[in-house]
Amino acid sequence: MSEAAANPPGDDLGHDLAGAGRAVWLAGLGALAEIERGSREAFDRLVERGKRVERRQLRAIDRTVAATAARAERLGERVREGFHERVEEVLHTIDLPSRDDLRVLASYLDRLAERIDSLGGAER
């Protein structure tokens, strides 16, 4: 059998096309593997960048919370002071003694009691 009869005229072309198709398939698989590897590396880089951004944002949030808490504390103190002032004004308006007035009175009564005790002891 001659070689021409063993390999029909289109057979070499079919073999070449099959080889080229396989090469294209393998190249596609290789490209996919490269993309996967590159994607994984890109993903890892994005994760690291995300961690840095998250840390910056958390620090900013902490600063904001601290500043807000300090402002709230100052505001609360002003509200308390204002409340105490108003209560004292109302007590004064209705002629009731304030806490300070009662302290002064208690101190005066203590001194008076000591004096009375000292006078009573002198008479004996």
Protein backbone atom coordinates (compact mmCIF):
# COMPACT_ATOMS: atom_id res chain seq x y z
CA MET A 1 0.00 0.00 0.00
CA SER A 2 1.39 3.34 -0.93
CA GLU A 3 1.84 6.15 1.50
CA ALA A 4 -0.72 8.24 -0.31
CA ALA A 5 -3.23 5.43 0.14
CA ALA A 6 -2.35 5.07 3.84
CA ASN A 7 -2.81 8.77 4.50
CA PRO A 8 -5.68 10.18 2.52
CA PRO A 9 -5.11 13.81 1.32
CA GLY A 10 -7.27 15.49 4.03
CA ASP A 11 -5.92 13.35 6.85
CA ASP A 12 -2.78 15.45 7.41
CA LEU A 13 -4.93 18.53 7.54
CA GLY A 14 -7.22 16.88 10.09
CA HIS A 15 -4.24 15.82 12.16
CA ASP A 16 -2.79 19.36 11.99
CA LEU A 17 -6.14 20.88 12.97
CA ALA A 18 -6.52 18.46 15.86
CA GLY A 19 -3.00 19.32 17.05
CA ALA A 20 -3.69 23.04 16.69
CA GLY A 21 -7.01 22.66 18.52
CA ARG A 22 -5.29 20.81 21.36
CA ALA A 23 -2.60 23.50 21.51
CA VAL A 24 -5.28 26.20 21.72
CA TRP A 25 -7.06 24.22 24.45
CA LEU A 26 -3.84 23.85 26.44
CA ALA A 27 -3.00 27.52 25.96
CA GLY A 28 -6.46 28.40 27.28
CA LEU A 29 -5.95 26.18 30.32
CA GLY A 30 -2.56 27.78 30.92
CA ALA A 31 -4.07 31.26 30.62
CA LEU A 32 -6.80 30.29 33.07
CA ALA A 33 -4.19 29.02 35.53
CA GLU A 34 -2.25 32.31 35.19
CA ILE A 35 -5.40 34.34 35.72
CA GLU A 36 -6.27 32.24 38.77
CA ARG A 37 -2.80 32.71 40.23
CA GLY A 38 -2.86 36.42 39.43
CA SER A 39 -6.37 36.73 40.81
CA ARG A 40 -5.34 35.04 44.02
CA GLU A 41 -2.37 37.40 44.36
CA ALA A 42 -4.58 40.39 43.54
CA PHE A 43 -7.15 39.17 46.07
CA ASP A 44 -4.46 38.86 48.74
CA ARG A 45 -3.22 42.39 47.96
CA LEU A 46 -6.77 43.71 48.18
CA VAL A 47 -7.26 41.99 51.54
CA GLU A 48 -4.09 43.65 52.89
CA ARG A 49 -5.17 47.04 51.59
CA GLY A 50 -8.59 46.48 53.12
CA LYS A 51 -7.01 45.75 56.50
CA ARG A 52 -5.05 49.00 56.36
CA VAL A 53 -8.15 50.98 55.42
CA GLU A 54 -10.14 49.30 58.19
CA ARG A 55 -7.48 50.18 60.78
CA ARG A 56 -7.48 53.82 59.62
CA GLN A 57 -11.26 53.96 59.77
CA LEU A 58 -11.38 52.39 63.22
CA ARG A 59 -8.86 54.94 64.50
CA ALA A 60 -10.96 57.74 63.01
CA ILE A 61 -14.08 56.30 64.61
CA ASP A 62 -12.31 56.04 67.98
CA ARG A 63 -11.24 59.69 67.74
CA THR A 64 -14.77 60.74 66.80
CA VAL A 65 -16.32 58.74 69.63
CA ALA A 66 -13.84 60.18 72.15
CA ALA A 67 -14.50 63.74 70.98
CA THR A 68 -18.26 63.17 71.06
CA ALA A 69 -18.08 61.65 74.54
CA ALA A 70 -16.06 64.63 75.79
CA ARG A 71 -18.59 67.05 74.32
CA ALA A 72 -21.46 65.06 75.83
CA GLU A 73 -19.73 65.13 79.23
CA ARG A 74 -19.27 68.91 79.03
CA LEU A 75 -22.87 69.34 77.96
CA GLY A 76 -24.07 67.08 80.78
CA GLU A 77 -22.08 69.12 83.28
CA ARG A 78 -23.59 72.35 81.98
CA VAL A 79 -27.08 70.83 82.20
CA ARG A 80 -26.44 69.69 85.80
CA GLU A 81 -25.10 73.11 86.76
CA GLY A 82 -28.07 74.81 85.16
CA PHE A 83 -30.46 72.44 86.89
CA HIS A 84 -28.90 73.09 90.31
CA GLU A 85 -29.00 76.83 89.71
CA ARG A 86 -32.69 76.67 88.78
CA VAL A 87 -33.52 74.55 91.82
CA GLU A 88 -31.73 77.04 94.07
CA GLU A 89 -33.63 79.90 92.42
CA VAL A 90 -36.94 78.14 93.02
CA LEU A 91 -36.04 77.35 96.62
CA HIS A 92 -35.03 80.96 97.18
CA THR A 93 -38.23 82.19 95.52
CA ILE A 94 -40.38 80.15 97.89
CA ASP A 95 -38.12 81.03 100.86
CA LEU A 96 -36.73 77.55 101.41
CA PRO A 97 -33.09 77.29 102.42
CA SER A 98 -30.59 75.81 99.98
CA ARG A 99 -28.17 73.01 100.82
CA ASP A 100 -25.44 75.58 101.44
CA ASP A 101 -27.77 77.58 103.69
CA LEU A 102 -28.48 74.43 105.71
CA ARG A 103 -24.75 73.66 106.00
CA VAL A 104 -24.06 77.18 107.27
CA LEU A 105 -26.95 76.87 109.72
CA ALA A 106 -25.73 73.44 110.92
CA SER A 107 -22.23 74.82 111.46
CA TYR A 108 -23.66 77.77 113.37
CA LEU A 109 -25.77 75.44 115.53
CA ASP A 110 -22.74 73.25 116.24
CA ARG A 111 -20.73 76.27 117.39
CA LEU A 112 -23.69 77.46 119.45
CA ALA A 113 -24.07 74.03 121.10
CA GLU A 114 -20.36 73.99 121.94
CA ARG A 115 -20.65 77.42 123.48
CA ILE A 116 -23.69 76.45 125.49
CA ASP A 117 -21.88 73.32 126.66
CA SER A 118 -18.86 75.37 127.66
CA LEU A 119 -21.04 77.85 129.58
CA GLY A 120 -22.89 75.03 131.29
CA GLY A 121 -19.64 73.46 132.32
CA ALA A 122 -18.37 76.74 133.77
CA GLU A 123 -21.40 77.09 136.06
CA ARG A 124 -20.85 73.73 137.66
